[in-house]
Amino acid sequence: MLMRLTAITLDCADPMALAAFYRRATGLPLADRSDDEFAGLRGADGLFLGFQRVDGYRPPSWPGQEVPQQLHLDFDVDDLDEATARLVEWGATVPDVQPRPDLWRVVLDPAGHPFCLTIPRGPREDQGLSGGSGQDDRN
């Protein structure tokens, strides 16, 4: 049996605001039935990136573990500095801890979820189980 990933959903306080951030960052269109409780973006390949409202949401405390990150996303970009600057303009923040800023950047979305920006380095098989990031070799 093989499983095919069809959706990733992030908890947050404001689904429409977080969807707007990722829409700007990825270019993916907003799903038709998005609202203040649950919003989403759908890629041409069918992958759905969802955002669900959670009462009392607390953002992850990266790199600390007071509130664990639970998961994070990786995105390939052409230029780390340019992509980081653009995302900050749109509401992201950059934590002081950057384990390998020459290879990837850790960025926090407006709801505090950490994600990584990377420069493509070749086939994904060479980059570990999580695309070269995560607990295996980045954070």
N, C-alpha and C. Protein backbone atom coordinates (compact mmCIF):
# COMPACT_ATOMS: atom_id res chain seq x y z
N MET A 1 0.84 -1.18 0.00
CA MET A 1 0.00 0.00 0.00
C MET A 1 0.88 1.24 0.00
N LEU A 2 0.58 2.19 -0.85
CA LEU A 2 1.25 3.48 -0.89
C LEU A 2 0.26 4.57 -0.56
N MET A 3 0.69 5.53 0.21
CA MET A 3 -0.15 6.67 0.53
C MET A 3 0.32 7.86 -0.30
N ARG A 4 -0.62 8.69 -0.72
CA ARG A 4 -0.30 9.91 -1.45
C ARG A 4 -0.73 11.09 -0.60
N LEU A 5 0.20 11.98 -0.33
CA LEU A 5 -0.11 13.17 0.47
C LEU A 5 -1.08 14.06 -0.31
N THR A 6 -2.21 14.41 0.33
CA THR A 6 -3.20 15.23 -0.35
C THR A 6 -3.44 16.56 0.35
N ALA A 7 -3.07 16.66 1.64
CA ALA A 7 -3.33 17.90 2.36
C ALA A 7 -2.40 18.05 3.56
N ILE A 8 -2.11 19.27 3.88
CA ILE A 8 -1.39 19.66 5.09
C ILE A 8 -2.22 20.78 5.70
N THR A 9 -2.53 20.68 6.99
CA THR A 9 -3.34 21.70 7.65
C THR A 9 -2.60 22.24 8.86
N LEU A 10 -2.54 23.55 8.96
CA LEU A 10 -1.87 24.22 10.06
C LEU A 10 -2.90 24.85 10.99
N ASP A 11 -2.72 24.67 12.28
CA ASP A 11 -3.55 25.37 13.27
C ASP A 11 -3.12 26.83 13.31
N CYS A 12 -4.06 27.72 13.61
CA CYS A 12 -3.74 29.14 13.70
C CYS A 12 -4.92 29.88 14.34
N ALA A 13 -4.73 31.14 14.63
CA ALA A 13 -5.79 31.97 15.20
C ALA A 13 -6.66 32.61 14.12
N ASP A 14 -6.09 32.86 12.94
CA ASP A 14 -6.78 33.59 11.88
C ASP A 14 -6.53 32.91 10.53
N PRO A 15 -7.37 31.93 10.15
CA PRO A 15 -7.15 31.18 8.91
C PRO A 15 -7.07 32.04 7.65
N MET A 16 -7.92 33.04 7.51
CA MET A 16 -7.89 33.85 6.29
C MET A 16 -6.59 34.66 6.19
N ALA A 17 -6.10 35.18 7.30
CA ALA A 17 -4.85 35.95 7.28
C ALA A 17 -3.68 35.04 6.94
N LEU A 18 -3.63 33.84 7.52
CA LEU A 18 -2.52 32.95 7.22
C LEU A 18 -2.60 32.44 5.78
N ALA A 19 -3.81 32.18 5.30
CA ALA A 19 -3.98 31.78 3.90
C ALA A 19 -3.50 32.88 2.96
N ALA A 20 -3.79 34.14 3.30
CA ALA A 20 -3.35 35.26 2.46
C ALA A 20 -1.82 35.34 2.42
N PHE A 21 -1.16 35.11 3.55
CA PHE A 21 0.30 35.11 3.58
C PHE A 21 0.86 34.03 2.65
N TYR A 22 0.37 32.79 2.79
CA TYR A 22 0.89 31.69 1.96
C TYR A 22 0.46 31.84 0.50
N ARG A 23 -0.69 32.46 0.25
CA ARG A 23 -1.10 32.70 -1.14
C ARG A 23 -0.09 33.63 -1.82
N ARG A 24 0.28 34.69 -1.13
CA ARG A 24 1.28 35.62 -1.69
C ARG A 24 2.62 34.93 -1.88
N ALA A 25 3.01 34.10 -0.91
CA ALA A 25 4.32 33.46 -0.95
C ALA A 25 4.41 32.35 -1.99
N THR A 26 3.31 31.63 -2.24
CA THR A 26 3.35 30.48 -3.15
C THR A 26 2.66 30.72 -4.49
N GLY A 27 1.76 31.70 -4.55
CA GLY A 27 0.99 31.92 -5.77
C GLY A 27 -0.19 30.97 -5.91
N LEU A 28 -0.44 30.12 -4.92
CA LEU A 28 -1.56 29.19 -4.99
C LEU A 28 -2.87 29.93 -4.75
N PRO A 29 -3.92 29.55 -5.47
CA PRO A 29 -5.20 30.24 -5.30
C PRO A 29 -5.94 29.83 -4.03
N LEU A 30 -6.72 30.76 -3.50
CA LEU A 30 -7.56 30.52 -2.33
C LEU A 30 -8.69 29.57 -2.72
N ALA A 31 -8.94 28.56 -1.90
CA ALA A 31 -10.03 27.62 -2.15
C ALA A 31 -11.37 28.33 -2.01
N ASP A 32 -12.34 27.91 -2.80
CA ASP A 32 -13.64 28.56 -2.88
C ASP A 32 -14.36 28.72 -1.56
N ARG A 33 -14.38 27.70 -0.73
CA ARG A 33 -15.18 27.75 0.49
C ARG A 33 -14.38 28.19 1.71
N SER A 34 -13.29 28.91 1.52
CA SER A 34 -12.48 29.39 2.65
C SER A 34 -13.28 30.41 3.45
N ASP A 35 -13.13 30.33 4.78
CA ASP A 35 -13.81 31.28 5.65
C ASP A 35 -12.98 31.50 6.92
N ASP A 36 -13.57 32.18 7.88
CA ASP A 36 -12.85 32.52 9.11
C ASP A 36 -12.53 31.32 10.00
N GLU A 37 -13.16 30.19 9.77
CA GLU A 37 -12.92 28.98 10.55
C GLU A 37 -11.90 28.05 9.89
N PHE A 38 -11.95 27.98 8.57
CA PHE A 38 -11.05 27.10 7.83
C PHE A 38 -10.85 27.68 6.43
N ALA A 39 -9.60 27.87 6.07
CA ALA A 39 -9.26 28.40 4.75
C ALA A 39 -8.23 27.47 4.12
N GLY A 40 -8.09 27.56 2.82
CA GLY A 40 -7.11 26.70 2.17
C GLY A 40 -6.68 27.20 0.81
N LEU A 41 -5.58 26.61 0.35
CA LEU A 41 -5.01 26.86 -0.97
C LEU A 41 -4.86 25.51 -1.65
N ARG A 42 -5.11 25.46 -2.95
CA ARG A 42 -4.97 24.19 -3.68
C ARG A 42 -4.02 24.36 -4.85
N GLY A 43 -3.01 23.49 -4.89
CA GLY A 43 -2.05 23.50 -5.97
C GLY A 43 -2.60 22.80 -7.20
N ALA A 44 -1.98 23.03 -8.35
CA ALA A 44 -2.40 22.40 -9.60
C ALA A 44 -2.30 20.88 -9.52
N ASP A 45 -1.37 20.40 -8.69
CA ASP A 45 -1.21 18.95 -8.52
C ASP A 45 -2.21 18.36 -7.55
N GLY A 46 -3.09 19.20 -6.98
CA GLY A 46 -4.13 18.74 -6.07
C GLY A 46 -3.77 18.86 -4.60
N LEU A 47 -2.52 19.13 -4.27
CA LEU A 47 -2.14 19.26 -2.86
C LEU A 47 -2.85 20.46 -2.24
N PHE A 48 -3.43 20.24 -1.08
CA PHE A 48 -4.20 21.26 -0.38
C PHE A 48 -3.44 21.70 0.85
N LEU A 49 -3.25 23.00 1.02
CA LEU A 49 -2.63 23.58 2.20
C LEU A 49 -3.73 24.29 2.97
N GLY A 50 -4.09 23.75 4.14
CA GLY A 50 -5.22 24.27 4.89
C GLY A 50 -4.79 24.98 6.17
N PHE A 51 -5.69 25.83 6.66
CA PHE A 51 -5.45 26.63 7.86
C PHE A 51 -6.73 26.60 8.68
N GLN A 52 -6.65 26.02 9.89
CA GLN A 52 -7.85 25.90 10.71
C GLN A 52 -7.72 26.72 11.98
N ARG A 53 -8.82 27.39 12.32
CA ARG A 53 -8.85 28.24 13.52
C ARG A 53 -8.91 27.35 14.76
N VAL A 54 -8.08 27.69 15.74
CA VAL A 54 -8.03 26.99 17.01
C VAL A 54 -8.15 28.02 18.12
N ASP A 55 -9.14 27.86 18.98
CA ASP A 55 -9.28 28.76 20.14
C ASP A 55 -8.05 28.61 21.02
N GLY A 56 -7.51 29.73 21.48
CA GLY A 56 -6.35 29.70 22.36
C GLY A 56 -5.07 29.27 21.68
N TYR A 57 -5.01 29.42 20.36
CA TYR A 57 -3.81 29.01 19.62
C TYR A 57 -2.56 29.65 20.22
N ARG A 58 -1.52 28.86 20.38
CA ARG A 58 -0.21 29.33 20.84
C ARG A 58 0.81 28.96 19.78
N PRO A 59 1.55 29.92 19.25
CA PRO A 59 2.53 29.61 18.21
C PRO A 59 3.68 28.78 18.74
N PRO A 60 4.31 27.97 17.88
CA PRO A 60 5.48 27.21 18.29
C PRO A 60 6.58 28.15 18.79
N SER A 61 7.41 27.65 19.69
CA SER A 61 8.51 28.45 20.23
C SER A 61 9.83 27.91 19.68
N TRP A 62 10.10 28.18 18.44
CA TRP A 62 11.32 27.69 17.80
C TRP A 62 12.48 28.60 18.13
N PRO A 63 13.66 28.11 18.47
CA PRO A 63 14.03 26.69 18.51
C PRO A 63 13.73 26.02 19.85
N GLY A 64 13.16 26.74 20.80
CA GLY A 64 12.81 26.14 22.08
C GLY A 64 11.70 25.14 21.93
N GLN A 65 11.38 24.44 22.99
CA GLN A 65 10.35 23.41 22.93
C GLN A 65 9.21 23.65 23.92
N GLU A 66 9.09 24.90 24.41
CA GLU A 66 7.96 25.20 25.30
C GLU A 66 6.65 24.88 24.60
N VAL A 67 6.54 25.26 23.33
CA VAL A 67 5.44 24.86 22.46
C VAL A 67 6.12 24.27 21.22
N PRO A 68 6.15 22.93 21.10
CA PRO A 68 6.89 22.30 19.99
C PRO A 68 6.36 22.71 18.62
N GLN A 69 7.24 22.68 17.63
CA GLN A 69 6.85 23.06 16.28
C GLN A 69 5.94 22.03 15.63
N GLN A 70 5.94 20.80 16.05
CA GLN A 70 5.10 19.73 15.54
C GLN A 70 5.46 19.33 14.10
N LEU A 71 5.58 20.26 13.21
CA LEU A 71 5.97 20.01 11.83
C LEU A 71 6.48 21.31 11.26
N HIS A 72 7.13 21.23 10.12
CA HIS A 72 7.43 22.46 9.38
C HIS A 72 7.49 22.14 7.89
N LEU A 73 7.39 23.17 7.10
CA LEU A 73 7.38 23.05 5.64
C LEU A 73 8.72 23.53 5.09
N ASP A 74 9.12 23.00 3.96
CA ASP A 74 10.31 23.45 3.24
C ASP A 74 9.90 23.96 1.87
N PHE A 75 10.49 25.09 1.45
CA PHE A 75 10.21 25.67 0.15
C PHE A 75 11.53 25.96 -0.56
N ASP A 76 11.66 25.54 -1.82
CA ASP A 76 12.80 25.91 -2.63
C ASP A 76 12.61 27.33 -3.14
N VAL A 77 13.69 28.11 -3.13
CA VAL A 77 13.68 29.47 -3.66
C VAL A 77 14.94 29.68 -4.48
N ASP A 78 14.93 30.67 -5.36
CA ASP A 78 16.10 30.97 -6.19
C ASP A 78 17.16 31.75 -5.43
N ASP A 79 16.74 32.61 -4.50
CA ASP A 79 17.68 33.48 -3.78
C ASP A 79 17.22 33.60 -2.33
N LEU A 80 18.02 33.10 -1.40
CA LEU A 80 17.63 33.10 0.02
C LEU A 80 17.39 34.50 0.56
N ASP A 81 18.30 35.44 0.28
CA ASP A 81 18.16 36.79 0.81
C ASP A 81 16.92 37.48 0.27
N GLU A 82 16.70 37.38 -1.02
CA GLU A 82 15.55 38.02 -1.65
C GLU A 82 14.23 37.43 -1.13
N ALA A 83 14.16 36.10 -1.07
CA ALA A 83 12.93 35.45 -0.60
C ALA A 83 12.66 35.79 0.87
N THR A 84 13.69 35.79 1.68
CA THR A 84 13.53 36.13 3.09
C THR A 84 13.01 37.55 3.25
N ALA A 85 13.61 38.49 2.53
CA ALA A 85 13.19 39.89 2.62
C ALA A 85 11.73 40.06 2.19
N ARG A 86 11.34 39.41 1.12
CA ARG A 86 9.95 39.52 0.63
C ARG A 86 8.97 38.96 1.66
N LEU A 87 9.31 37.80 2.23
CA LEU A 87 8.42 37.19 3.21
C LEU A 87 8.28 38.05 4.46
N VAL A 88 9.35 38.69 4.88
CA VAL A 88 9.30 39.60 6.03
C VAL A 88 8.38 40.78 5.71
N GLU A 89 8.45 41.30 4.49
CA GLU A 89 7.54 42.38 4.07
C GLU A 89 6.08 41.95 4.22
N TRP A 90 5.81 40.67 4.02
CA TRP A 90 4.45 40.15 4.06
C TRP A 90 4.03 39.67 5.44
N GLY A 91 4.89 39.83 6.45
CA GLY A 91 4.49 39.49 7.81
C GLY A 91 5.26 38.38 8.48
N ALA A 92 6.18 37.74 7.80
CA ALA A 92 7.00 36.70 8.42
C ALA A 92 8.06 37.34 9.31
N THR A 93 8.64 36.55 10.19
CA THR A 93 9.77 36.99 10.99
C THR A 93 10.90 35.98 10.84
N VAL A 94 12.10 36.44 11.14
CA VAL A 94 13.28 35.58 11.04
C VAL A 94 13.87 35.44 12.44
N PRO A 95 13.88 34.22 12.99
CA PRO A 95 14.44 34.05 14.32
C PRO A 95 15.96 34.25 14.31
N ASP A 96 16.49 34.61 15.46
CA ASP A 96 17.93 34.81 15.57
C ASP A 96 18.72 33.53 15.31
N VAL A 97 18.19 32.40 15.74
CA VAL A 97 18.89 31.12 15.56
C VAL A 97 18.74 30.66 14.11
N GLN A 98 19.86 30.57 13.42
CA GLN A 98 19.90 30.12 12.03
C GLN A 98 21.03 29.08 11.93
N PRO A 99 20.72 27.78 12.04
CA PRO A 99 21.75 26.76 12.10
C PRO A 99 22.72 26.74 10.91
N ARG A 100 22.23 26.96 9.70
CA ARG A 100 23.09 26.96 8.50
C ARG A 100 22.57 27.99 7.50
N PRO A 101 22.72 29.29 7.79
CA PRO A 101 22.14 30.32 6.92
C PRO A 101 22.72 30.34 5.52
N ASP A 102 23.86 29.69 5.30
CA ASP A 102 24.43 29.60 3.96
C ASP A 102 23.69 28.57 3.11
N LEU A 103 22.99 27.61 3.75
CA LEU A 103 22.28 26.56 3.02
C LEU A 103 20.76 26.69 3.09
N TRP A 104 20.24 27.20 4.19
CA TRP A 104 18.80 27.39 4.33
C TRP A 104 18.52 28.46 5.37
N ARG A 105 17.32 28.98 5.33
CA ARG A 105 16.87 29.98 6.30
C ARG A 105 15.63 29.47 6.99
N VAL A 106 15.61 29.61 8.28
CA VAL A 106 14.41 29.34 9.06
C VAL A 106 13.64 30.65 9.13
N VAL A 107 12.35 30.58 8.80
CA VAL A 107 11.47 31.74 8.82
C VAL A 107 10.22 31.32 9.59
N LEU A 108 9.60 32.28 10.28
CA LEU A 108 8.35 32.01 10.99
C LEU A 108 7.21 32.72 10.27
N ASP A 109 6.16 31.98 9.94
CA ASP A 109 5.02 32.63 9.29
C ASP A 109 4.31 33.54 10.29
N PRO A 110 3.32 34.32 9.86
CA PRO A 110 2.66 35.25 10.78
C PRO A 110 2.00 34.59 11.99
N ALA A 111 1.72 33.28 11.92
CA ALA A 111 1.15 32.57 13.07
C ALA A 111 2.22 31.89 13.90
N GLY A 112 3.50 32.04 13.52
CA GLY A 112 4.60 31.49 14.29
C GLY A 112 5.11 30.13 13.86
N HIS A 113 4.52 29.53 12.82
CA HIS A 113 4.99 28.23 12.35
C HIS A 113 6.35 28.39 11.66
N PRO A 114 7.35 27.62 12.07
CA PRO A 114 8.63 27.69 11.37
C PRO A 114 8.56 26.97 10.03
N PHE A 115 9.22 27.53 9.04
CA PHE A 115 9.41 26.85 7.76
C PHE A 115 10.79 27.21 7.24
N CYS A 116 11.27 26.41 6.31
CA CYS A 116 12.62 26.63 5.79
C CYS A 116 12.59 27.01 4.32
N LEU A 117 13.49 27.91 3.97
CA LEU A 117 13.74 28.27 2.58
C LEU A 117 15.06 27.62 2.20
N THR A 118 15.10 26.98 1.05
CA THR A 118 16.32 26.33 0.60
C THR A 118 16.58 26.64 -0.86
N ILE A 119 17.82 26.52 -1.25
CA ILE A 119 18.20 26.60 -2.65
C ILE A 119 18.21 25.16 -3.18
N PRO A 120 17.56 24.88 -4.30
CA PRO A 120 17.55 23.51 -4.81
C PRO A 120 18.98 22.98 -4.95
N ARG A 121 19.18 21.74 -4.45
CA ARG A 121 20.51 21.14 -4.50
C ARG A 121 20.56 19.86 -5.29
N GLY A 122 19.54 19.49 -5.96
CA GLY A 122 19.56 18.24 -6.71
C GLY A 122 18.40 17.36 -6.29
N PRO A 123 18.48 16.08 -6.63
CA PRO A 123 17.37 15.16 -6.33
C PRO A 123 17.05 15.12 -4.85
N ARG A 124 15.77 15.05 -4.54
CA ARG A 124 15.29 15.03 -3.17
C ARG A 124 15.86 13.84 -2.38
N GLU A 125 16.19 12.74 -3.04
CA GLU A 125 16.72 11.60 -2.32
C GLU A 125 18.01 11.95 -1.60
N ASP A 126 18.75 12.92 -2.11
CA ASP A 126 20.02 13.32 -1.51
C ASP A 126 19.82 14.22 -0.31
N GLN A 127 18.62 14.64 -0.01
CA GLN A 127 18.39 15.65 1.00
C GLN A 127 17.69 15.12 2.24
N GLY A 128 17.63 13.83 2.42
CA GLY A 128 17.03 13.30 3.64
C GLY A 128 15.53 13.13 3.51
N LEU A 129 14.93 12.65 4.56
CA LEU A 129 13.50 12.33 4.53
C LEU A 129 12.61 13.54 4.41
N SER A 130 13.04 14.68 4.93
CA SER A 130 12.15 15.85 4.90
C SER A 130 12.66 16.91 3.94
N GLY A 131 13.25 16.49 2.82
CA GLY A 131 13.73 17.46 1.85
C GLY A 131 14.99 18.15 2.32
N GLY A 132 15.70 17.55 3.26
CA GLY A 132 16.95 18.14 3.71
C GLY A 132 16.80 19.02 4.93
N SER A 133 15.65 18.99 5.59
CA SER A 133 15.49 19.85 6.75
C SER A 133 14.84 19.09 7.87
N GLY A 134 14.43 19.82 8.86
CA GLY A 134 13.74 19.22 9.98
C GLY A 134 14.72 18.68 11.00
N GLN A 135 14.23 17.77 11.82
CA GLN A 135 15.02 17.24 12.91
C GLN A 135 16.24 16.48 12.39
N ASP A 136 16.20 16.00 11.14
CA ASP A 136 17.30 15.19 10.67
C ASP A 136 18.60 15.97 10.52
N ASP A 137 18.56 17.21 10.07
CA ASP A 137 19.83 17.93 9.92
C ASP A 137 19.76 19.44 10.01
N ARG A 138 18.62 20.02 10.27
CA ARG A 138 18.53 21.48 10.30
C ARG A 138 18.24 22.04 11.66
N ASN A 139 17.15 21.68 12.22
CA ASN A 139 16.75 22.32 13.47
C ASN A 139 16.30 21.31 14.40
